[in-house]
Amino acid sequence: MAAKRPARRQPARRKAPARRRTTATATRRKHPARRVKIPRRGPLHARLGTWLVLRVVVPMVDTRRDEIRSRKDAAILRATHEGCKVCHGNGQIFTKSKKDGSFTGSKPCTAKPTKEKVSRWEINKAARMGGDRRTGLIGYSCPCGKKEKPRFRDAKEATKALRVHEKQKHGGKSVGGTWYAQQTAAAALAPSPPTPAPKTSTRKAPAKATAKAATP
């Protein structure tokens, strides 16, 4: 009887060496935070609290931050253009219509700043305290009773906010909303530059050929 061959021995499987973590892996960009949603399950007070935070508190905080930022920007412009003969310390120039004198828009001051650097403490104080904290900003009013205090930097932002209000309350139709601006006393008394007239083309229209009636 033939002797059995010994079973062939399998070599042990080697483990791959652990991959060294590089600095690029350590500083890898994290996944952006997903949108927080209002839970549909759970206690009622938890759902109401989440709804209150996401729908009321967060928009109010964002609006407040934007308003403080606009006030600081306006305070910086007032401080750097103090004594300016072009904008009269307002930081920007508000234009009015020739016909009825209504506010038509705003544009930056073309003169050089009278100051190059201002104090941070003075800017924070001017943006949060006093009756001039909204000077240099623009607001809007609607005939329906809605009136937004001056908190926009220019007429473009105020127009955008007015269009959002008209879309929410008036179906996107204009009902005669107007803009208004708060400016310094010197700028209010100074004559405002008129709105530039629209450019007209100097190209002449081609003359129409007139057909002569045939005589019998």
C-alpha atoms as a PDB file:
ATOM      1  CA  MET A   1       0.000   0.000   0.000  1.00  0.00           C
ATOM      2  CA  ALA A   2       1.390   3.339  -1.113  1.00  0.00           C
ATOM      3  CA  ALA A   3       2.056   5.906   1.569  1.00  0.00           C
ATOM      4  CA  LYS A   4      -0.094   9.081   1.484  1.00  0.00           C
ATOM      5  CA  ARG A   5       1.596  12.256   0.496  1.00  0.00           C
ATOM      6  CA  PRO A   6       1.565  14.986   3.098  1.00  0.00           C
ATOM      7  CA  ALA A   7      -0.845  17.842   2.397  1.00  0.00           C
ATOM      8  CA  ARG A   8       0.712  20.798   0.643  1.00  0.00           C
ATOM      9  CA  ARG A   9       1.234  23.630   3.010  1.00  0.00           C
ATOM     10  CA  GLN A  10      -0.211  27.018   1.990  1.00  0.00           C
ATOM     11  CA  PRO A  11       1.955  30.051   2.726  1.00  0.00           C
ATOM     12  CA  ALA A  12       0.528  32.513   5.208  1.00  0.00           C
ATOM     13  CA  ARG A  13      -1.146  35.509   3.580  1.00  0.00           C
ATOM     14  CA  ARG A  14       0.676  38.695   4.307  1.00  0.00           C
ATOM     15  CA  LYS A  15      -1.169  41.751   5.457  1.00  0.00           C
ATOM     16  CA  ALA A  16      -0.729  44.911   3.490  1.00  0.00           C
ATOM     17  CA  PRO A  17       1.081  47.591   5.488  1.00  0.00           C
ATOM     18  CA  ALA A  18      -1.136  50.247   6.972  1.00  0.00           C
ATOM     19  CA  ARG A  19      -1.389  53.289   4.741  1.00  0.00           C
ATOM     20  CA  ARG A  20       0.235  56.308   6.226  1.00  0.00           C
ATOM     21  CA  ARG A  21      -2.069  59.292   6.671  1.00  0.00           C
ATOM     22  CA  THR A  22      -0.780  62.263   4.781  1.00  0.00           C
ATOM     23  CA  THR A  23      -1.366  65.892   5.601  1.00  0.00           C
ATOM     24  CA  ALA A  24      -3.643  66.214   2.584  1.00  0.00           C
ATOM     25  CA  THR A  25      -5.928  63.515   3.998  1.00  0.00           C
ATOM     26  CA  ALA A  26      -5.902  65.129   7.419  1.00  0.00           C
ATOM     27  CA  THR A  27      -6.941  68.506   5.978  1.00  0.00           C
ATOM     28  CA  ARG A  28      -9.488  67.111   3.569  1.00  0.00           C
ATOM     29  CA  ARG A  29     -12.513  69.332   2.992  1.00  0.00           C
ATOM     30  CA  LYS A  30     -15.517  68.247   4.975  1.00  0.00           C
ATOM     31  CA  HIS A  31     -18.893  67.547   3.472  1.00  0.00           C
ATOM     32  CA  PRO A  32     -21.110  70.644   3.472  1.00  0.00           C
ATOM     33  CA  ALA A  33     -23.837  70.660   6.057  1.00  0.00           C
ATOM     34  CA  ARG A  34     -27.115  69.352   4.776  1.00  0.00           C
ATOM     35  CA  ARG A  35     -30.265  71.411   4.985  1.00  0.00           C
ATOM     36  CA  VAL A  36     -31.958  71.138   8.354  1.00  0.00           C
ATOM     37  CA  LYS A  37     -35.559  70.030   7.980  1.00  0.00           C
ATOM     38  CA  ILE A  38     -38.511  70.258  10.314  1.00  0.00           C
ATOM     39  CA  PRO A  39     -39.123  66.788  11.802  1.00  0.00           C
ATOM     40  CA  ARG A  40     -42.479  65.191  11.021  1.00  0.00           C
ATOM     41  CA  ARG A  41     -42.340  62.823  13.936  1.00  0.00           C
ATOM     42  CA  GLY A  42     -41.615  63.238  17.599  1.00  0.00           C
ATOM     43  CA  PRO A  43     -43.125  65.360  20.348  1.00  0.00           C
ATOM     44  CA  LEU A  44     -45.269  68.291  19.309  1.00  0.00           C
ATOM     45  CA  HIS A  45     -43.237  70.809  21.297  1.00  0.00           C
ATOM     46  CA  ALA A  46     -40.040  69.690  19.558  1.00  0.00           C
ATOM     47  CA  ARG A  47     -41.574  70.139  16.102  1.00  0.00           C
ATOM     48  CA  LEU A  48     -43.007  73.557  17.029  1.00  0.00           C
ATOM     49  CA  GLY A  49     -39.652  74.648  18.443  1.00  0.00           C
ATOM     50  CA  THR A  50     -37.811  73.591  15.296  1.00  0.00           C
ATOM     51  CA  TRP A  51     -40.346  75.376  13.087  1.00  0.00           C
ATOM     52  CA  LEU A  52     -40.046  78.532  15.189  1.00  0.00           C
ATOM     53  CA  VAL A  53     -36.245  78.531  14.975  1.00  0.00           C
ATOM     54  CA  LEU A  54     -36.007  77.806  11.238  1.00  0.00           C
ATOM     55  CA  ARG A  55     -38.881  79.978  10.015  1.00  0.00           C
ATOM     56  CA  VAL A  56     -38.791  82.936  12.417  1.00  0.00           C
ATOM     57  CA  VAL A  57     -35.553  83.239  14.374  1.00  0.00           C
ATOM     58  CA  VAL A  58     -33.053  82.473  11.591  1.00  0.00           C
ATOM     59  CA  PRO A  59     -34.554  84.975   9.059  1.00  0.00           C
ATOM     60  CA  MET A  60     -34.659  87.660  11.762  1.00  0.00           C
ATOM     61  CA  VAL A  61     -30.999  87.097  12.616  1.00  0.00           C
ATOM     62  CA  ASP A  62     -29.993  87.238   8.942  1.00  0.00           C
ATOM     63  CA  THR A  63     -31.962  90.456   8.409  1.00  0.00           C
ATOM     64  CA  ARG A  64     -30.418  91.995  11.493  1.00  0.00           C
ATOM     65  CA  ARG A  65     -26.900  91.131  10.350  1.00  0.00           C
ATOM     66  CA  ASP A  66     -27.505  92.614   6.904  1.00  0.00           C
ATOM     67  CA  GLU A  67     -28.911  95.793   8.448  1.00  0.00           C
ATOM     68  CA  ILE A  68     -25.943  96.246  10.802  1.00  0.00           C
ATOM     69  CA  ARG A  69     -23.550  95.663   7.903  1.00  0.00           C
ATOM     70  CA  SER A  70     -25.327  98.306   5.810  1.00  0.00           C
ATOM     71  CA  ARG A  71     -25.270 100.778   8.711  1.00  0.00           C
ATOM     72  CA  LYS A  72     -21.535 100.252   9.181  1.00  0.00           C
ATOM     73  CA  ASP A  73     -20.888 100.781   5.479  1.00  0.00           C
ATOM     74  CA  ALA A  74     -22.959 103.967   5.507  1.00  0.00           C
ATOM     75  CA  ALA A  75     -21.148 105.181   8.646  1.00  0.00           C
ATOM     76  CA  ILE A  76     -17.783 104.585   6.967  1.00  0.00           C
ATOM     77  CA  LEU A  77     -18.864 106.584   3.909  1.00  0.00           C
ATOM     78  CA  ARG A  78     -20.136 109.442   6.073  1.00  0.00           C
ATOM     79  CA  ALA A  79     -16.886 109.521   8.046  1.00  0.00           C
ATOM     80  CA  THR A  80     -14.623 109.369   4.999  1.00  0.00           C
ATOM     81  CA  HIS A  81     -16.669 112.026   3.111  1.00  0.00           C
ATOM     82  CA  GLU A  82     -17.126 114.417   6.024  1.00  0.00           C
ATOM     83  CA  GLY A  83     -17.091 117.977   4.688  1.00  0.00           C
ATOM     84  CA  CYS A  84     -17.267 116.841   1.062  1.00  0.00           C
ATOM     85  CA  LYS A  85     -18.688 119.525  -1.246  1.00  0.00           C
ATOM     86  CA  VAL A  86     -20.068 117.016  -3.739  1.00  0.00           C
ATOM     87  CA  CYS A  87     -22.130 114.684  -1.526  1.00  0.00           C
ATOM     88  CA  HIS A  88     -22.225 117.056   1.508  1.00  0.00           C
ATOM     89  CA  GLY A  89     -21.074 114.341   3.910  1.00  0.00           C
ATOM     90  CA  ASN A  90     -23.659 111.806   2.781  1.00  0.00           C
ATOM     91  CA  GLY A  91     -21.239 109.335   1.189  1.00  0.00           C
ATOM     92  CA  GLN A  92     -23.359 108.924  -1.937  1.00  0.00           C
ATOM     93  CA  ILE A  93     -25.535 111.116  -4.151  1.00  0.00           C
ATOM     94  CA  PHE A  94     -29.305 110.685  -4.388  1.00  0.00           C
ATOM     95  CA  THR A  95     -30.891 111.769  -7.668  1.00  0.00           C
ATOM     96  CA  LYS A  96     -34.356 113.262  -8.062  1.00  0.00           C
ATOM     97  CA  SER A  97     -36.762 113.644 -10.928  1.00  0.00           C
ATOM     98  CA  LYS A  98     -37.097 117.017 -12.697  1.00  0.00           C
ATOM     99  CA  LYS A  99     -40.882 116.784 -12.908  1.00  0.00           C
ATOM    100  CA  ASP A 100     -42.050 116.051  -9.363  1.00  0.00           C
ATOM    101  CA  GLY A 101     -38.815 115.912  -7.362  1.00  0.00           C
ATOM    102  CA  SER A 102     -39.307 112.279  -6.383  1.00  0.00           C
ATOM    103  CA  PHE A 103     -36.408 110.007  -5.554  1.00  0.00           C
ATOM    104  CA  THR A 104     -35.136 108.178  -8.629  1.00  0.00           C
ATOM    105  CA  GLY A 105     -31.912 106.459  -7.571  1.00  0.00           C
ATOM    106  CA  SER A 106     -28.458 106.758  -6.082  1.00  0.00           C
ATOM    107  CA  LYS A 107     -24.873 106.804  -7.260  1.00  0.00           C
ATOM    108  CA  PRO A 108     -21.488 106.830  -5.475  1.00  0.00           C
ATOM    109  CA  CYS A 109     -19.769 110.113  -4.771  1.00  0.00           C
ATOM    110  CA  THR A 110     -17.240 111.028  -7.442  1.00  0.00           C
ATOM    111  CA  ALA A 111     -15.024 113.113  -5.136  1.00  0.00           C
ATOM    112  CA  LYS A 112     -12.029 111.747  -3.273  1.00  0.00           C
ATOM    113  CA  PRO A 113     -12.531 110.843   0.415  1.00  0.00           C
ATOM    114  CA  THR A 114     -11.529 113.516   2.898  1.00  0.00           C
ATOM    115  CA  LYS A 115     -10.216 110.820   5.276  1.00  0.00           C
ATOM    116  CA  GLU A 116      -8.362 107.634   4.502  1.00  0.00           C
ATOM    117  CA  LYS A 117      -8.840 105.860   7.835  1.00  0.00           C
ATOM    118  CA  VAL A 118     -11.529 105.983  10.513  1.00  0.00           C
ATOM    119  CA  SER A 119     -11.816 104.611  14.022  1.00  0.00           C
ATOM    120  CA  ARG A 120     -13.554 101.261  14.439  1.00  0.00           C
ATOM    121  CA  TRP A 121     -15.118 102.393  17.703  1.00  0.00           C
ATOM    122  CA  GLU A 122     -16.591 105.483  16.043  1.00  0.00           C
ATOM    123  CA  ILE A 123     -18.042 103.377  13.226  1.00  0.00           C
ATOM    124  CA  ASN A 124     -19.694 100.920  15.628  1.00  0.00           C
ATOM    125  CA  LYS A 125     -21.093 103.793  17.671  1.00  0.00           C
ATOM    126  CA  ALA A 126     -22.430 105.639  14.620  1.00  0.00           C
ATOM    127  CA  ALA A 127     -24.015 102.426  13.254  1.00  0.00           C
ATOM    128  CA  ARG A 128     -25.878 101.533  16.464  1.00  0.00           C
ATOM    129  CA  MET A 129     -26.605 104.781  18.321  1.00  0.00           C
ATOM    130  CA  GLY A 130     -28.096 108.150  17.460  1.00  0.00           C
ATOM    131  CA  GLY A 131     -30.639 109.347  14.961  1.00  0.00           C
ATOM    132  CA  ASP A 132     -28.094 109.363  12.131  1.00  0.00           C
ATOM    133  CA  ARG A 133     -27.458 105.618  12.192  1.00  0.00           C
ATOM    134  CA  ARG A 134     -29.647 105.170   9.076  1.00  0.00           C
ATOM    135  CA  THR A 135     -28.344 108.214   7.223  1.00  0.00           C
ATOM    136  CA  GLY A 136     -27.169 107.310   3.745  1.00  0.00           C
ATOM    137  CA  LEU A 137     -29.471 104.292   3.429  1.00  0.00           C
ATOM    138  CA  ILE A 138     -32.623 103.742   1.384  1.00  0.00           C
ATOM    139  CA  GLY A 139     -36.046 102.352   2.291  1.00  0.00           C
ATOM    140  CA  TYR A 140     -39.383 101.876   0.541  1.00  0.00           C
ATOM    141  CA  SER A 141     -43.066 102.374   1.267  1.00  0.00           C
ATOM    142  CA  CYS A 142     -46.135 100.758  -0.259  1.00  0.00           C
ATOM    143  CA  PRO A 143     -49.685 102.160  -0.418  1.00  0.00           C
ATOM    144  CA  CYS A 144     -50.916  99.022   1.365  1.00  0.00           C
ATOM    145  CA  GLY A 145     -49.278 100.273   4.581  1.00  0.00           C
ATOM    146  CA  LYS A 146     -45.971  98.415   4.409  1.00  0.00           C
ATOM    147  CA  LYS A 147     -43.039 100.715   5.128  1.00  0.00           C
ATOM    148  CA  GLU A 148     -39.474  99.482   5.331  1.00  0.00           C
ATOM    149  CA  LYS A 149     -37.045 101.630   7.274  1.00  0.00           C
ATOM    150  CA  PRO A 150     -33.887 102.766   5.460  1.00  0.00           C
ATOM    151  CA  ARG A 151     -31.578  99.752   5.566  1.00  0.00           C
ATOM    152  CA  PHE A 152     -30.447  99.243   1.944  1.00  0.00           C
ATOM    153  CA  ARG A 153     -27.163 100.482   0.529  1.00  0.00           C
ATOM    154  CA  ASP A 154     -28.424 101.548  -2.895  1.00  0.00           C
ATOM    155  CA  ALA A 155     -31.581 101.816  -4.967  1.00  0.00           C
ATOM    156  CA  LYS A 156     -30.960  98.422  -6.596  1.00  0.00           C
ATOM    157  CA  GLU A 157     -31.261  96.557  -3.284  1.00  0.00           C
ATOM    158  CA  ALA A 158     -34.321  98.586  -2.260  1.00  0.00           C
ATOM    159  CA  THR A 159     -35.973  97.855  -5.620  1.00  0.00           C
ATOM    160  CA  LYS A 160     -35.307  94.140  -5.176  1.00  0.00           C
ATOM    161  CA  ALA A 161     -36.915  94.156  -1.713  1.00  0.00           C
ATOM    162  CA  LEU A 162     -39.921  96.098  -3.038  1.00  0.00           C
ATOM    163  CA  ARG A 163     -40.409  93.565  -5.855  1.00  0.00           C
ATOM    164  CA  VAL A 164     -40.322  90.713  -3.306  1.00  0.00           C
ATOM    165  CA  HIS A 165     -43.032  92.470  -1.270  1.00  0.00           C
ATOM    166  CA  GLU A 166     -45.172  93.018  -4.363  1.00  0.00           C
ATOM    167  CA  LYS A 167     -44.795  89.353  -5.324  1.00  0.00           C
ATOM    168  CA  GLN A 168     -45.842  88.167  -1.859  1.00  0.00           C
ATOM    169  CA  LYS A 169     -48.713  90.590  -1.205  1.00  0.00           C
ATOM    170  CA  HIS A 170     -49.869  91.865  -4.610  1.00  0.00           C
ATOM    171  CA  GLY A 171     -49.309  88.947  -6.970  1.00  0.00           C
ATOM    172  CA  GLY A 172     -46.248  90.496  -8.566  1.00  0.00           C
ATOM    173  CA  LYS A 173     -48.133  93.613  -9.732  1.00  0.00           C
ATOM    174  CA  SER A 174     -46.948  97.122  -8.930  1.00  0.00           C
ATOM    175  CA  VAL A 175     -49.346  99.229  -6.848  1.00  0.00           C
ATOM    176  CA  GLY A 176     -47.308 102.424  -6.725  1.00  0.00           C
ATOM    177  CA  GLY A 177     -44.574 101.687  -4.196  1.00  0.00           C
ATOM    178  CA  THR A 178     -41.951 104.403  -3.794  1.00  0.00           C
ATOM    179  CA  TRP A 179     -38.435 104.685  -2.398  1.00  0.00           C
ATOM    180  CA  TYR A 180     -37.134 107.230   0.067  1.00  0.00           C
ATOM    181  CA  ALA A 181     -33.698 107.977   1.458  1.00  0.00           C
ATOM    182  CA  GLN A 182     -32.403 109.398   4.722  1.00  0.00           C
ATOM    183  CA  GLN A 183     -29.607 111.895   4.185  1.00  0.00           C
ATOM    184  CA  THR A 184     -27.718 114.540   6.087  1.00  0.00           C
ATOM    185  CA  ALA A 185     -29.181 118.000   6.653  1.00  0.00           C
ATOM    186  CA  ALA A 186     -26.640 119.607   4.320  1.00  0.00           C
ATOM    187  CA  ALA A 187     -27.392 117.105   1.562  1.00  0.00           C
ATOM    188  CA  ALA A 188     -31.141 117.607   1.982  1.00  0.00           C
ATOM    189  CA  LEU A 189     -30.843 121.385   1.578  1.00  0.00           C
ATOM    190  CA  ALA A 190     -28.434 121.200  -1.361  1.00  0.00           C
ATOM    191  CA  PRO A 191     -29.927 120.991  -4.862  1.00  0.00           C
ATOM    192  CA  SER A 192     -29.914 117.421  -6.085  1.00  0.00           C
ATOM    193  CA  PRO A 193     -28.417 116.619  -9.494  1.00  0.00           C
ATOM    194  CA  PRO A 194     -31.207 115.817 -11.961  1.00  0.00           C
ATOM    195  CA  THR A 195     -31.696 112.422 -13.477  1.00  0.00           C
ATOM    196  CA  PRO A 196     -29.781 112.146 -16.764  1.00  0.00           C
ATOM    197  CA  ALA A 197     -32.055 112.193 -19.781  1.00  0.00           C
ATOM    198  CA  PRO A 198     -32.158 109.051 -21.925  1.00  0.00           C
ATOM    199  CA  LYS A 199     -29.867 109.097 -24.928  1.00  0.00           C
ATOM    200  CA  THR A 200     -31.498 109.606 -28.299  1.00  0.00           C
ATOM    201  CA  SER A 201     -30.038 108.253 -31.492  1.00  0.00           C
ATOM    202  CA  THR A 202     -28.712 110.890 -33.922  1.00  0.00           C
ATOM    203  CA  ARG A 203     -29.284 108.651 -36.918  1.00  0.00           C
ATOM    204  CA  LYS A 204     -31.847 110.112 -39.311  1.00  0.00           C
ATOM    205  CA  ALA A 205     -34.813 108.025 -40.335  1.00  0.00           C
ATOM    206  CA  PRO A 206     -35.001 107.181 -44.054  1.00  0.00           C
ATOM    207  CA  ALA A 207     -37.351 109.469 -45.958  1.00  0.00           C
ATOM    208  CA  LYS A 208     -40.523 107.785 -47.151  1.00  0.00           C
ATOM    209  CA  ALA A 209     -41.128 107.834 -50.851  1.00  0.00           C
ATOM    210  CA  THR A 210     -44.326 109.655 -51.769  1.00  0.00           C
ATOM    211  CA  ALA A 211     -46.227 108.307 -54.716  1.00  0.00           C
ATOM    212  CA  LYS A 212     -47.481 110.921 -57.149  1.00  0.00           C
ATOM    213  CA  ALA A 213     -51.032 110.613 -58.326  1.00  0.00           C
ATOM    214  CA  ALA A 214     -51.371 110.061 -62.068  1.00  0.00           C
ATOM    215  CA  THR A 215     -53.148 112.912 -63.880  1.00  0.00           C
ATOM    216  CA  PRO A 216     -55.645 112.016 -66.540  1.00  0.00           C
END
